[in-house]
Amino acid sequence: MISRLGELRRRNSCMVNRVHLFGSLILFCLIFGCVVISQDLRSKVDSSLTFEEVFQNPWAYKGKTVLWGGEIIQTLPQKDDATVIEVLRWPLNWREAPQRTVSFHGKFLVLVKSRLDPSHYKRGKEITVAGEIEGEIQGKEDQRLSDNTYRYPLVLSQELHLWKYYSYPYSSVPAQPGRGEYPHYERFTWY
């Protein structure tokens, strides 16, 4: 009987160790698997630099690395196989995903040195970008921009993440206008 009790304790101890190992593995994946910008680039980001400071004088911060995000207003292919994305800026959450707010947080432009498919990077999609400040572009310099009187900070993209949201087949969340092509969703994200 005593040997049987010892055997049960040993099995229980092994199971507890497995549960702790499995739980630690899941926690590790959640913490380090949820960020979308590489650790190397994130270490270069000047987190003390705010959008408002850059907006006041973008040329003073040329070459500084920032991490911004928001909702795509439009994607503009350029003649030199580059793409400019006009973005309505939102603050980022702990996963580096843009968080919609009621107040206006500004707009910025992202310069990508390759041609992106405008059907993927279309109005209403959310993006996160890490890159260097390149200066500014006046809205009147490109008539295709949404605001001719606005002064857009320009970010040269080093890493860009397009957020994709999928809906559950039987969502309990009512339709939310302005969320692109996924009006019925329960914030389930794939990377």
Protein backbone atom coordinates (compact mmCIF):
# COMPACT_ATOMS: atom_id res chain seq x y z
CA MET A 1 0.00 0.00 0.00
CA ILE A 2 2.82 2.40 0.85
CA SER A 3 4.61 1.65 -2.41
CA ARG A 4 1.36 2.30 -4.30
CA LEU A 5 0.97 5.66 -2.53
CA GLY A 6 4.58 6.57 -3.43
CA GLU A 7 3.92 5.66 -7.07
CA LEU A 8 0.83 7.92 -7.15
CA ARG A 9 2.79 10.85 -5.64
CA ARG A 10 5.57 10.40 -8.22
CA ARG A 11 3.05 10.38 -11.09
CA ASN A 12 1.29 13.42 -9.65
CA SER A 13 4.61 15.25 -9.37
CA CYS A 14 5.47 14.45 -13.00
CA MET A 15 2.04 15.69 -14.14
CA VAL A 16 2.41 18.94 -12.16
CA ASN A 17 5.84 19.50 -13.74
CA ARG A 18 4.39 18.92 -17.21
CA VAL A 19 1.55 21.37 -16.54
CA HIS A 20 4.02 24.01 -15.34
CA LEU A 21 6.24 23.45 -18.38
CA PHE A 22 3.26 23.64 -20.75
CA GLY A 23 1.94 26.77 -19.01
CA SER A 24 5.36 28.43 -19.20
CA LEU A 25 5.60 27.61 -22.88
CA ILE A 26 2.17 29.14 -23.57
CA LEU A 27 3.06 32.26 -21.55
CA PHE A 28 6.33 32.63 -23.48
CA CYS A 29 4.49 32.35 -26.80
CA LEU A 30 1.89 34.89 -25.72
CA ILE A 31 4.43 37.42 -24.53
CA PHE A 32 6.96 37.12 -27.33
CA GLY A 33 4.71 35.95 -30.11
CA CYS A 34 2.27 38.84 -29.99
CA VAL A 35 4.56 41.67 -31.02
CA VAL A 36 4.83 42.30 -34.73
CA ILE A 37 7.99 44.40 -35.07
CA SER A 38 11.37 42.71 -34.62
CA GLN A 39 13.18 43.12 -31.31
CA ASP A 40 16.23 44.52 -33.12
CA LEU A 41 14.24 47.34 -34.70
CA ARG A 42 12.20 47.95 -31.54
CA SER A 43 15.45 48.55 -29.64
CA LYS A 44 16.20 51.46 -32.03
CA VAL A 45 12.81 53.13 -31.46
CA ASP A 46 12.99 56.38 -29.49
CA SER A 47 9.99 55.79 -27.20
CA SER A 48 10.38 59.21 -25.54
CA LEU A 49 9.65 60.90 -28.87
CA THR A 50 5.94 61.68 -29.28
CA PHE A 51 3.99 62.17 -32.48
CA GLU A 52 3.15 65.71 -31.40
CA GLU A 53 6.86 66.60 -31.12
CA VAL A 54 7.58 65.18 -34.56
CA PHE A 55 4.54 66.92 -36.03
CA GLN A 56 5.79 70.33 -34.82
CA ASN A 57 9.11 69.99 -36.67
CA PRO A 58 9.65 66.70 -38.57
CA TRP A 59 12.97 67.86 -40.03
CA ALA A 60 14.47 68.17 -36.53
CA TYR A 61 13.90 64.44 -35.96
CA LYS A 62 15.11 63.21 -39.37
CA GLY A 63 16.73 59.79 -38.95
CA LYS A 64 15.00 59.01 -35.62
CA THR A 65 13.20 55.66 -35.51
CA VAL A 66 9.53 55.63 -34.52
CA LEU A 67 6.84 52.99 -34.05
CA TRP A 68 3.42 54.24 -35.15
CA GLY A 69 0.18 52.75 -36.36
CA GLY A 70 -3.33 53.51 -37.43
CA GLU A 71 -5.92 53.09 -40.15
CA ILE A 72 -5.08 53.35 -43.83
CA ILE A 73 -6.78 56.30 -45.54
CA GLN A 74 -5.37 55.49 -48.97
CA THR A 75 -2.46 53.82 -50.76
CA LEU A 76 -0.71 55.75 -53.51
CA PRO A 77 1.59 53.91 -55.95
CA GLN A 78 4.53 56.07 -57.06
CA LYS A 79 6.31 56.19 -60.42
CA ASP A 80 9.60 54.86 -59.03
CA ASP A 81 8.22 51.47 -57.82
CA ALA A 82 7.60 52.86 -54.36
CA THR A 83 4.34 53.22 -52.44
CA VAL A 84 3.08 55.94 -50.13
CA ILE A 85 0.43 55.06 -47.55
CA GLU A 86 -1.62 57.82 -45.92
CA VAL A 87 -2.47 56.79 -42.35
CA LEU A 88 -4.86 58.13 -39.72
CA ARG A 89 -2.76 57.70 -36.57
CA TRP A 90 -4.02 55.82 -33.52
CA PRO A 91 -2.16 54.92 -30.34
CA LEU A 92 -0.74 51.38 -30.13
CA ASN A 93 -1.63 48.80 -27.50
CA TRP A 94 0.76 46.35 -25.81
CA ARG A 95 0.69 44.11 -28.90
CA GLU A 96 1.62 47.08 -31.12
CA ALA A 97 -1.86 47.02 -32.68
CA PRO A 98 -3.61 50.34 -33.40
CA GLN A 99 -6.41 51.17 -30.98
CA ARG A 100 -9.30 53.21 -32.37
CA THR A 101 -10.10 56.32 -30.37
CA VAL A 102 -12.67 59.06 -30.60
CA SER A 103 -10.18 61.94 -30.62
CA PHE A 104 -8.03 62.93 -33.60
CA HIS A 105 -4.37 61.90 -33.22
CA GLY A 106 -3.05 63.18 -36.53
CA LYS A 107 -2.07 61.72 -39.88
CA PHE A 108 1.24 60.62 -41.34
CA LEU A 109 2.66 59.16 -44.54
CA VAL A 110 4.59 55.92 -44.88
CA LEU A 111 7.08 55.56 -47.73
CA VAL A 112 7.68 51.93 -48.73
CA LYS A 113 10.54 51.37 -51.19
CA SER A 114 8.62 48.69 -53.09
CA ARG A 115 5.31 48.47 -54.89
CA LEU A 116 2.52 47.26 -52.61
CA ASP A 117 -0.78 45.88 -53.84
CA PRO A 118 -3.39 48.58 -53.16
CA SER A 119 -6.09 45.91 -52.93
CA HIS A 120 -4.39 44.55 -49.79
CA TYR A 121 -3.41 47.92 -48.32
CA LYS A 122 -6.78 49.55 -48.75
CA ARG A 123 -8.85 52.07 -46.86
CA GLY A 124 -9.95 50.92 -43.41
CA LYS A 125 -7.17 48.36 -42.86
CA GLU A 126 -5.00 48.78 -39.78
CA ILE A 127 -1.20 48.87 -39.95
CA THR A 128 1.78 49.20 -37.64
CA VAL A 129 5.00 50.64 -39.04
CA ALA A 130 8.51 51.06 -37.68
CA GLY A 131 10.83 53.34 -39.60
CA GLU A 132 12.87 56.50 -39.74
CA ILE A 133 11.51 60.03 -39.92
CA GLU A 134 12.32 61.42 -43.37
CA GLY A 135 10.85 64.90 -42.96
CA GLU A 136 7.46 66.13 -44.09
CA ILE A 137 5.26 66.50 -47.14
CA GLN A 138 2.78 69.33 -47.55
CA GLY A 139 -0.65 68.15 -48.69
CA LYS A 140 -0.61 70.59 -51.59
CA GLU A 141 2.53 68.88 -53.01
CA ASP A 142 0.47 65.82 -54.01
CA GLN A 143 -3.13 66.52 -55.01
CA ARG A 144 -4.04 62.86 -54.35
CA LEU A 145 -3.63 63.29 -50.56
CA SER A 146 -6.83 63.68 -48.57
CA ASP A 147 -5.99 67.11 -47.09
CA ASN A 148 -4.24 69.77 -49.17
CA THR A 149 -3.63 72.00 -46.14
CA TYR A 150 -2.16 69.31 -43.87
CA ARG A 151 1.57 68.90 -43.16
CA TYR A 152 2.26 65.14 -43.07
CA PRO A 153 5.25 63.69 -41.22
CA LEU A 154 6.93 61.16 -43.54
CA VAL A 155 8.22 57.80 -42.24
CA LEU A 156 10.53 55.60 -44.33
CA SER A 157 9.26 52.09 -43.56
CA GLN A 158 11.74 49.52 -42.29
CA GLU A 159 9.06 47.08 -41.11
CA LEU A 160 5.35 47.18 -41.81
CA HIS A 161 2.61 44.95 -40.42
CA LEU A 162 -0.88 44.77 -41.92
CA TRP A 163 -3.43 43.59 -39.36
CA LYS A 164 -5.93 41.05 -40.59
CA TYR A 165 -9.16 40.46 -38.71
CA TYR A 166 -11.38 37.50 -39.31
CA SER A 167 -14.93 37.01 -38.20
CA TYR A 168 -16.38 34.06 -36.41
CA PRO A 169 -19.20 32.41 -38.38
CA TYR A 170 -21.79 33.23 -35.72
CA SER A 171 -20.58 36.42 -34.15
CA SER A 172 -22.40 37.88 -31.19
CA VAL A 173 -20.94 41.32 -31.93
CA PRO A 174 -23.21 43.65 -33.92
CA ALA A 175 -21.98 45.19 -37.15
CA GLN A 176 -19.52 48.05 -36.69
CA PRO A 177 -19.32 50.39 -39.66
CA GLY A 178 -15.91 51.55 -40.80
CA ARG A 179 -14.04 48.32 -40.16
CA GLY A 180 -13.16 47.56 -43.76
CA GLU A 181 -14.36 44.28 -45.20
CA TYR A 182 -14.97 42.52 -41.87
CA PRO A 183 -18.07 44.19 -40.39
CA HIS A 184 -19.01 41.31 -38.04
CA TYR A 185 -16.01 40.30 -36.01
CA GLU A 186 -14.88 39.49 -32.52
CA ARG A 187 -11.34 40.87 -32.59
CA PHE A 188 -9.69 37.56 -33.48
CA THR A 189 -6.31 38.31 -35.06
CA TRP A 190 -4.00 36.28 -37.26
CA TYR A 191 -0.52 37.52 -37.94
